[in-house]
Amino acid sequence: MSWEAALLAATGVHLGFQVTVSTLAYPALAAVPRARWAPAHDAHSRRIVPLVVGVYAAVLVTCVGVLLADRSWATGLAVLGNAVALGLTAVAAAPIHGRLGRGWDAALLRRLLLVDRGRTAAAAVALVGAVAAAGW
């Protein structure tokens, strides 16, 4: 398998994961009553961390591999989109989750949903680049 094909696969999985989080996981979490917030957020965090680690590891490995093999505009776009999505997770979503783990906060929850939309948009841009890099 070429690095471009691997990048396409990892980026497609990443976008699918991100769309699922944006359309199912976070809306369900946001709908949890304040009185049940702590256990619901803890359960969400425990369940999603293994998926995040697996998806992000695949994205990171394929981004590095494709950058070493091909530096076209398409791979650059795919790497940039993935980097923005992962960066938003590191600098915004993860810290917000940490704060939400200490207690429900409407403003923080709104901010998390906004950051999440940015991650989804960045993952979609990455997929456009990955599709082009794979020659489709």
Protein backbone atom coordinates (compact mmCIF):
# COMPACT_ATOMS: atom_id res chain seq x y z
CA MET A 1 0.00 0.00 0.00
CA SER A 2 1.33 3.43 -0.89
CA TRP A 3 1.58 6.23 1.66
CA GLU A 4 -1.05 8.14 -0.30
CA ALA A 5 -3.48 5.22 -0.03
CA ALA A 6 -2.71 4.84 3.67
CA LEU A 7 -3.26 8.57 4.17
CA LEU A 8 -6.60 8.32 2.39
CA ALA A 9 -7.68 5.41 4.58
CA ALA A 10 -6.58 7.04 7.84
CA THR A 11 -8.07 10.40 6.90
CA GLY A 12 -11.36 8.78 5.89
CA VAL A 13 -11.52 6.97 9.22
CA HIS A 14 -10.63 10.24 10.97
CA LEU A 15 -13.46 12.14 9.27
CA GLY A 16 -15.91 9.32 9.98
CA PHE A 17 -14.89 9.33 13.63
CA GLN A 18 -15.16 13.11 13.82
CA VAL A 19 -18.60 13.21 12.16
CA THR A 20 -19.80 10.55 14.60
CA VAL A 21 -18.54 12.56 17.56
CA SER A 22 -20.11 15.76 16.18
CA THR A 23 -23.49 14.29 15.30
CA LEU A 24 -23.97 11.57 17.92
CA ALA A 25 -21.57 11.58 20.86
CA TYR A 26 -21.42 15.26 21.75
CA PRO A 27 -25.13 15.99 21.24
CA ALA A 28 -25.93 13.02 23.50
CA LEU A 29 -23.46 14.28 26.08
CA ALA A 30 -24.84 17.82 25.87
CA ALA A 31 -28.37 16.48 26.50
CA VAL A 32 -27.40 14.89 29.82
CA PRO A 33 -29.15 16.61 32.74
CA ARG A 34 -26.85 18.62 34.97
CA ALA A 35 -27.52 16.31 37.94
CA ARG A 36 -26.12 13.33 35.99
CA TRP A 37 -23.28 15.21 34.29
CA ALA A 38 -20.26 13.87 36.19
CA PRO A 39 -20.85 10.15 35.65
CA ALA A 40 -21.93 10.69 32.04
CA HIS A 41 -18.87 12.77 31.21
CA ASP A 42 -16.57 10.29 32.95
CA ALA A 43 -18.10 7.40 31.00
CA HIS A 44 -17.80 9.32 27.72
CA SER A 45 -14.14 10.08 28.42
CA ARG A 46 -13.27 6.47 29.31
CA ARG A 47 -14.98 5.12 26.20
CA ILE A 48 -13.64 7.59 23.66
CA VAL A 49 -9.97 7.78 24.66
CA PRO A 50 -8.99 4.42 23.08
CA LEU A 51 -10.67 5.47 19.82
CA VAL A 52 -8.96 8.84 19.83
CA VAL A 53 -5.56 7.24 20.44
CA GLY A 54 -6.03 4.71 17.63
CA VAL A 55 -7.40 7.14 15.06
CA TYR A 56 -4.91 9.89 15.84
CA ALA A 57 -1.97 7.46 15.82
CA ALA A 58 -2.96 6.26 12.34
CA VAL A 59 -3.32 9.85 11.14
CA LEU A 60 0.06 10.87 12.57
CA VAL A 61 1.93 7.89 11.14
CA THR A 62 0.44 8.30 7.67
CA CYS A 63 0.99 12.07 7.66
CA VAL A 64 4.67 11.61 8.49
CA GLY A 65 5.02 8.80 5.96
CA VAL A 66 3.38 10.70 3.14
CA LEU A 67 5.43 13.83 3.85
CA LEU A 68 8.60 11.78 3.52
CA ALA A 69 7.35 10.19 0.27
CA ASP A 70 5.42 12.94 -1.50
CA ARG A 71 5.28 16.68 -0.97
CA SER A 72 2.54 17.61 -3.41
CA TRP A 73 -0.08 20.30 -2.76
CA ALA A 74 -2.62 17.55 -2.15
CA THR A 75 -0.62 15.80 0.54
CA GLY A 76 0.13 19.21 2.04
CA LEU A 77 -3.59 19.97 2.22
CA ALA A 78 -4.33 16.59 3.79
CA VAL A 79 -1.57 16.96 6.36
CA LEU A 80 -2.58 20.54 7.14
CA GLY A 81 -6.25 19.62 7.64
CA ASN A 82 -5.34 16.70 9.86
CA ALA A 83 -2.85 18.84 11.80
CA VAL A 84 -5.49 21.52 12.44
CA ALA A 85 -7.97 18.91 13.68
CA LEU A 86 -5.43 17.25 15.96
CA GLY A 87 -4.13 20.64 17.09
CA LEU A 88 -7.62 21.80 18.02
CA THR A 89 -7.97 18.66 20.08
CA ALA A 90 -4.71 19.27 21.91
CA VAL A 91 -5.06 23.00 22.57
CA ALA A 92 -8.82 23.34 22.96
CA ALA A 93 -11.00 20.21 23.17
CA ALA A 94 -8.85 18.23 25.62
CA PRO A 95 -8.42 21.13 28.07
CA ILE A 96 -12.15 21.90 27.87
CA HIS A 97 -12.92 18.26 28.61
CA GLY A 98 -10.59 18.46 31.57
CA ARG A 99 -12.49 21.42 32.94
CA LEU A 100 -15.86 19.81 32.19
CA GLY A 101 -14.68 16.76 34.12
CA ARG A 102 -14.67 18.94 37.23
CA GLY A 103 -18.29 19.97 36.69
CA TRP A 104 -20.99 20.98 34.23
CA ASP A 105 -20.59 24.43 32.68
CA ALA A 106 -22.91 25.65 29.91
CA ALA A 107 -20.37 28.07 28.45
CA LEU A 108 -17.64 25.43 28.32
CA LEU A 109 -20.01 22.94 26.73
CA ARG A 110 -20.93 25.47 24.02
CA ARG A 111 -17.22 26.13 23.43
CA LEU A 112 -16.55 22.40 23.13
CA LEU A 113 -19.28 22.03 20.52
CA LEU A 114 -17.84 24.98 18.57
CA VAL A 115 -14.31 23.57 18.69
CA ASP A 116 -15.69 20.24 17.58
CA ARG A 117 -17.26 21.80 14.48
CA GLY A 118 -13.84 23.20 13.63
CA ARG A 119 -12.27 19.76 14.01
CA THR A 120 -14.88 18.25 11.73
CA ALA A 121 -14.35 20.95 9.10
CA ALA A 122 -10.58 20.47 9.25
CA ALA A 123 -10.95 16.70 8.89
CA ALA A 124 -13.17 17.25 5.83
CA VAL A 125 -10.55 19.51 4.25
CA ALA A 126 -7.96 16.84 5.00
CA LEU A 127 -10.05 14.25 3.19
CA VAL A 128 -10.24 16.46 0.08
CA GLY A 129 -6.44 16.59 0.06
CA ALA A 130 -6.09 12.87 0.70
CA VAL A 131 -8.48 12.01 -2.14
CA ALA A 132 -6.50 14.23 -4.51
CA ALA A 133 -3.18 12.81 -3.28
CA ALA A 134 -4.44 9.28 -3.94
CA GLY A 135 -5.25 10.28 -7.51
CA TRP A 136 -9.01 10.04 -7.34
